[in-house]
N, C-alpha and C. Protein backbone atom coordinates (compact mmCIF):
# COMPACT_ATOMS: atom_id res chain seq x y z
N MET A 1 9.49 -38.46 12.29
CA MET A 1 8.36 -38.32 10.82
C MET A 1 6.94 -37.73 11.55
N ALA A 2 6.53 -38.17 12.79
CA ALA A 2 5.23 -37.82 13.47
C ALA A 2 5.32 -36.22 13.21
N LEU A 3 6.52 -35.44 14.02
CA LEU A 3 6.82 -34.43 14.19
C LEU A 3 6.55 -33.48 12.85
N TRP A 4 7.16 -33.92 11.90
CA TRP A 4 7.12 -33.43 10.57
C TRP A 4 5.85 -33.26 9.86
N LEU A 5 4.89 -34.51 10.00
CA LEU A 5 3.72 -34.24 9.47
C LEU A 5 2.80 -33.46 10.49
N PHE A 6 3.06 -33.29 11.76
CA PHE A 6 2.26 -32.35 12.76
C PHE A 6 2.81 -30.81 12.05
N LEU A 7 3.77 -30.50 11.82
CA LEU A 7 4.20 -29.27 11.55
C LEU A 7 3.58 -29.02 10.16
N CYS A 8 3.65 -29.88 9.10
CA CYS A 8 2.92 -29.72 8.02
C CYS A 8 1.31 -29.10 8.10
N ALA A 9 0.97 -29.96 8.85
CA ALA A 9 -0.70 -29.76 9.20
C ALA A 9 -0.88 -28.52 10.02
N LEU A 10 0.07 -28.15 10.89
CA LEU A 10 -0.13 -26.93 11.61
C LEU A 10 0.22 -25.65 10.78
N VAL A 11 1.32 -25.62 9.48
CA VAL A 11 1.62 -24.68 8.74
C VAL A 11 0.18 -24.52 7.68
N SER A 12 -0.53 -25.70 7.46
CA SER A 12 -1.89 -25.84 6.61
C SER A 12 -2.95 -25.11 7.35
N VAL A 13 -3.02 -25.18 8.45
CA VAL A 13 -4.11 -24.72 9.37
C VAL A 13 -4.07 -23.35 9.70
N ALA A 14 -2.76 -22.83 9.89
CA ALA A 14 -2.35 -21.61 10.20
C ALA A 14 -2.42 -20.65 8.88
N THR A 15 -2.26 -21.46 7.65
CA THR A 15 -2.51 -20.67 6.40
C THR A 15 -3.74 -20.44 6.32
N THR A 16 -4.73 -21.38 6.17
CA THR A 16 -6.14 -21.08 6.23
C THR A 16 -6.84 -19.89 7.09
N ALA A 17 -6.28 -20.02 8.54
CA ALA A 17 -6.76 -19.24 9.36
C ALA A 17 -6.30 -17.65 8.97
N ALA A 18 -5.25 -17.82 8.59
CA ALA A 18 -4.81 -16.40 8.08
C ALA A 18 -5.88 -15.59 6.82
N ILE A 19 -5.84 -16.78 5.95
CA ILE A 19 -6.60 -16.03 4.78
C ILE A 19 -7.88 -15.73 5.22
N ILE A 20 -8.68 -16.42 6.09
CA ILE A 20 -9.80 -16.46 6.63
C ILE A 20 -10.15 -15.01 7.33
N TRP A 21 -8.87 -14.74 8.23
CA TRP A 21 -8.65 -13.47 9.05
C TRP A 21 -8.62 -12.11 8.07
N VAL A 22 -7.77 -12.20 6.83
CA VAL A 22 -7.63 -11.15 6.10
C VAL A 22 -8.85 -10.92 5.19
N LEU A 23 -9.50 -12.07 4.65
CA LEU A 23 -10.80 -11.77 3.97
C LEU A 23 -11.82 -11.27 4.67
N ALA A 24 -12.08 -11.78 6.06
CA ALA A 24 -13.02 -11.13 6.81
C ALA A 24 -12.75 -9.87 7.38
N SER A 25 -11.57 -9.27 7.44
CA SER A 25 -11.23 -8.10 7.93
C SER A 25 -11.55 -7.18 6.88
N GLU A 26 -11.09 -7.39 5.66
CA GLU A 26 -11.05 -6.49 4.36
C GLU A 26 -12.47 -6.28 4.05
N SER A 27 -13.44 -7.71 4.24
CA SER A 27 -14.79 -7.45 3.81
C SER A 27 -15.68 -6.75 4.65
N TYR A 28 -15.06 -6.62 6.24
CA TYR A 28 -15.82 -5.80 7.09
C TYR A 28 -15.28 -4.29 6.72
N ALA A 29 -14.35 -3.97 6.33
CA ALA A 29 -13.68 -2.55 6.06
C ALA A 29 -14.57 -2.09 4.89
N PHE A 30 -14.82 -3.06 3.77
CA PHE A 30 -15.56 -2.66 2.59
C PHE A 30 -16.64 -2.68 3.03
N PHE A 31 -17.29 -3.57 3.64
CA PHE A 31 -18.97 -3.15 4.10
C PHE A 31 -19.44 -2.04 5.22
N ARG A 32 -18.14 -1.24 5.48
CA ARG A 32 -18.59 -0.10 6.33
C ARG A 32 -18.63 1.04 5.46
N GLN A 33 -18.43 0.87 4.48
CA GLN A 33 -18.38 1.71 3.17
C GLN A 33 -19.54 1.63 2.32
N VAL A 34 -19.79 0.26 1.88
CA VAL A 34 -20.84 -0.02 1.07
C VAL A 34 -21.86 -0.75 1.57
N SER A 35 -23.32 -0.57 1.48
CA SER A 35 -24.20 -1.54 2.22
C SER A 35 -24.48 -2.78 1.64
N PRO A 36 -24.54 -3.87 2.21
CA PRO A 36 -24.69 -5.28 1.46
C PRO A 36 -26.07 -5.25 0.70
N TRP A 37 -26.65 -4.49 0.77
CA TRP A 37 -28.03 -4.61 -0.14
C TRP A 37 -27.75 -3.98 -1.41
N SER A 38 -26.91 -2.74 -1.69
CA SER A 38 -26.63 -2.41 -2.97
C SER A 38 -25.48 -3.04 -3.49
N PHE A 39 -24.68 -3.76 -2.52
CA PHE A 39 -23.55 -4.67 -3.28
C PHE A 39 -24.23 -5.77 -4.02
N LEU A 40 -25.20 -6.60 -3.35
CA LEU A 40 -25.71 -7.60 -3.76
C LEU A 40 -26.77 -7.52 -4.77
N PHE A 41 -27.62 -6.39 -4.96
CA PHE A 41 -28.73 -6.14 -5.78
C PHE A 41 -28.26 -4.87 -6.46
N GLY A 42 -27.25 -4.09 -6.35
CA GLY A 42 -27.12 -2.89 -7.47
C GLY A 42 -26.69 -3.57 -8.77
N THR A 43 -27.08 -2.49 -9.75
CA THR A 43 -27.20 -3.05 -11.25
C THR A 43 -26.05 -2.39 -11.83
N ARG A 44 -25.21 -1.55 -11.16
CA ARG A 44 -23.99 -0.84 -11.99
C ARG A 44 -22.64 -1.19 -11.18
N TRP A 45 -21.63 -1.91 -11.95
CA TRP A 45 -20.47 -1.84 -11.47
C TRP A 45 -19.53 -0.76 -12.17
N ALA A 46 -19.00 -0.11 -11.30
CA ALA A 46 -18.29 1.23 -11.62
C ALA A 46 -17.19 1.68 -10.57
N PRO A 47 -16.25 0.73 -10.35
CA PRO A 47 -15.72 1.05 -9.02
C PRO A 47 -14.49 1.94 -9.09
N LEU A 48 -14.04 2.52 -10.52
CA LEU A 48 -12.94 3.49 -10.57
C LEU A 48 -13.81 5.08 -11.01
N LEU A 49 -15.03 4.96 -11.23
CA LEU A 49 -15.66 6.30 -11.67
C LEU A 49 -16.37 6.81 -10.56
N GLU A 50 -16.52 8.16 -10.51
CA GLU A 50 -17.33 9.17 -9.19
C GLU A 50 -18.60 8.96 -9.93
N PRO A 51 -19.56 8.74 -8.86
CA PRO A 51 -19.85 8.13 -7.54
C PRO A 51 -19.54 6.71 -7.76
N ARG A 52 -18.65 6.05 -6.82
CA ARG A 52 -18.35 4.40 -7.23
C ARG A 52 -19.65 3.88 -6.93
N SER A 53 -19.73 3.03 -7.71
CA SER A 53 -20.63 1.83 -7.63
C SER A 53 -20.31 0.53 -7.69
N TYR A 54 -20.67 -0.58 -6.91
CA TYR A 54 -20.28 -1.65 -6.61
C TYR A 54 -21.58 -2.90 -6.93
N GLY A 55 -22.31 -2.61 -7.54
CA GLY A 55 -23.60 -3.62 -7.70
C GLY A 55 -23.19 -4.61 -8.50
N VAL A 56 -23.15 -6.10 -7.97
CA VAL A 56 -22.56 -7.05 -8.33
C VAL A 56 -23.66 -8.29 -8.89
N LEU A 57 -24.98 -7.53 -8.97
CA LEU A 57 -26.05 -8.37 -9.56
C LEU A 57 -25.74 -8.94 -11.23
N PRO A 58 -25.30 -7.83 -12.09
CA PRO A 58 -25.16 -8.28 -13.14
C PRO A 58 -23.89 -9.23 -13.51
N LEU A 59 -22.85 -9.23 -12.63
CA LEU A 59 -21.82 -10.25 -12.77
C LEU A 59 -22.47 -11.56 -12.32
N VAL A 60 -23.21 -11.51 -11.40
CA VAL A 60 -23.88 -13.12 -10.98
C VAL A 60 -24.76 -13.42 -11.93
N CYS A 61 -25.58 -12.72 -12.44
CA CYS A 61 -26.50 -13.36 -13.29
C CYS A 61 -25.64 -13.81 -14.81
N GLY A 62 -24.85 -12.99 -15.16
CA GLY A 62 -23.96 -13.31 -16.28
C GLY A 62 -23.42 -15.06 -16.11
N THR A 63 -22.59 -14.85 -14.84
CA THR A 63 -22.08 -16.06 -14.52
C THR A 63 -23.19 -17.13 -14.34
N TRP A 64 -24.24 -17.06 -14.15
CA TRP A 64 -25.16 -18.11 -14.26
C TRP A 64 -25.67 -18.39 -15.57
N LEU A 65 -25.87 -17.73 -16.52
CA LEU A 65 -26.28 -17.59 -17.74
C LEU A 65 -24.98 -18.39 -18.24
N VAL A 66 -23.65 -18.14 -18.27
CA VAL A 66 -22.98 -18.83 -18.93
C VAL A 66 -22.86 -20.53 -18.49
């Protein structure tokens, strides 16, 4: 029984570590192309149009207002 609980805990920790690893590596790749300043304080969100723009400020403000 203890081995079973240990394996379940190990799977849980490994899954969490994998999620953090993927999130960090993809974020690093993204922020090599887009500056954190323009991401956080940009006012235009147009990821599909050229030139691409990833300003998240209107999305955050809208979330806070709701």
